[in-house]
Protein backbone atom coordinates (compact mmCIF):
# COMPACT_ATOMS: atom_id res chain seq x y z
CA UNK A 1 -14.85 2.94 13.87
CA UNK A 2 -11.42 1.01 15.20
CA UNK A 3 -13.42 -2.33 14.22
CA UNK A 4 -14.22 -0.81 10.77
CA UNK A 5 -10.66 -0.07 10.01
CA UNK A 6 -9.56 -3.47 11.50
CA UNK A 7 -11.78 -5.22 9.12
CA UNK A 8 -10.66 -2.89 6.02
CA UNK A 9 -6.76 -3.62 7.07
CA UNK A 10 -7.13 -7.65 7.44
CA UNK A 11 -9.50 -7.86 4.57
CA UNK A 12 -13.05 -9.40 4.71
CA UNK A 13 -14.04 -13.04 4.43
CA UNK A 14 -16.61 -12.49 1.81
CA UNK A 15 -16.13 -11.52 -1.94
CA UNK A 16 -14.46 -8.22 -2.32
CA UNK A 17 -17.54 -6.62 -3.76
CA UNK A 18 -19.65 -7.98 -0.82
CA UNK A 19 -16.69 -6.56 1.67
CA UNK A 20 -16.90 -2.94 -0.40
CA UNK A 21 -20.63 -3.02 0.31
CA UNK A 22 -20.15 -3.87 4.12
CA UNK A 23 -17.85 -1.26 4.53
CA UNK A 24 -19.17 1.45 2.85
CA UNK A 25 -22.76 0.74 4.68
CA UNK A 26 -20.77 0.88 8.27
CA UNK A 27 -19.15 3.94 7.11
CA UNK A 28 -22.13 5.53 6.04
CA UNK A 29 -23.58 4.86 9.39
CA UNK A 30 -20.83 6.20 11.32
CA UNK A 31 -20.15 9.42 9.37
CA UNK A 32 -23.20 10.45 7.39
CA UNK A 33 -23.25 13.75 5.17
CA UNK A 34 -26.86 15.23 4.26
CA UNK A 35 -27.25 16.00 0.75
CA UNK A 36 -30.08 17.86 -0.84
CA UNK A 37 -34.02 16.82 -0.79
CA UNK A 38 -32.59 14.64 2.52
CA UNK A 39 -30.91 11.68 0.90
CA UNK A 40 -27.54 10.45 2.58
CA UNK A 41 -24.43 10.24 1.12
CA UNK A 42 -20.56 10.14 1.85
CA UNK A 43 -19.21 13.46 0.00
């Protein structure tokens, strides 16, 4: 989690939209929240 926070604070090396997708993916793997029908999402 500390590495993810550092990546967010420093700013990524890619296009901002790609950095957003990377950040979202890593956040989902660290902190998943199960929704109905088995889907995973951060609520």
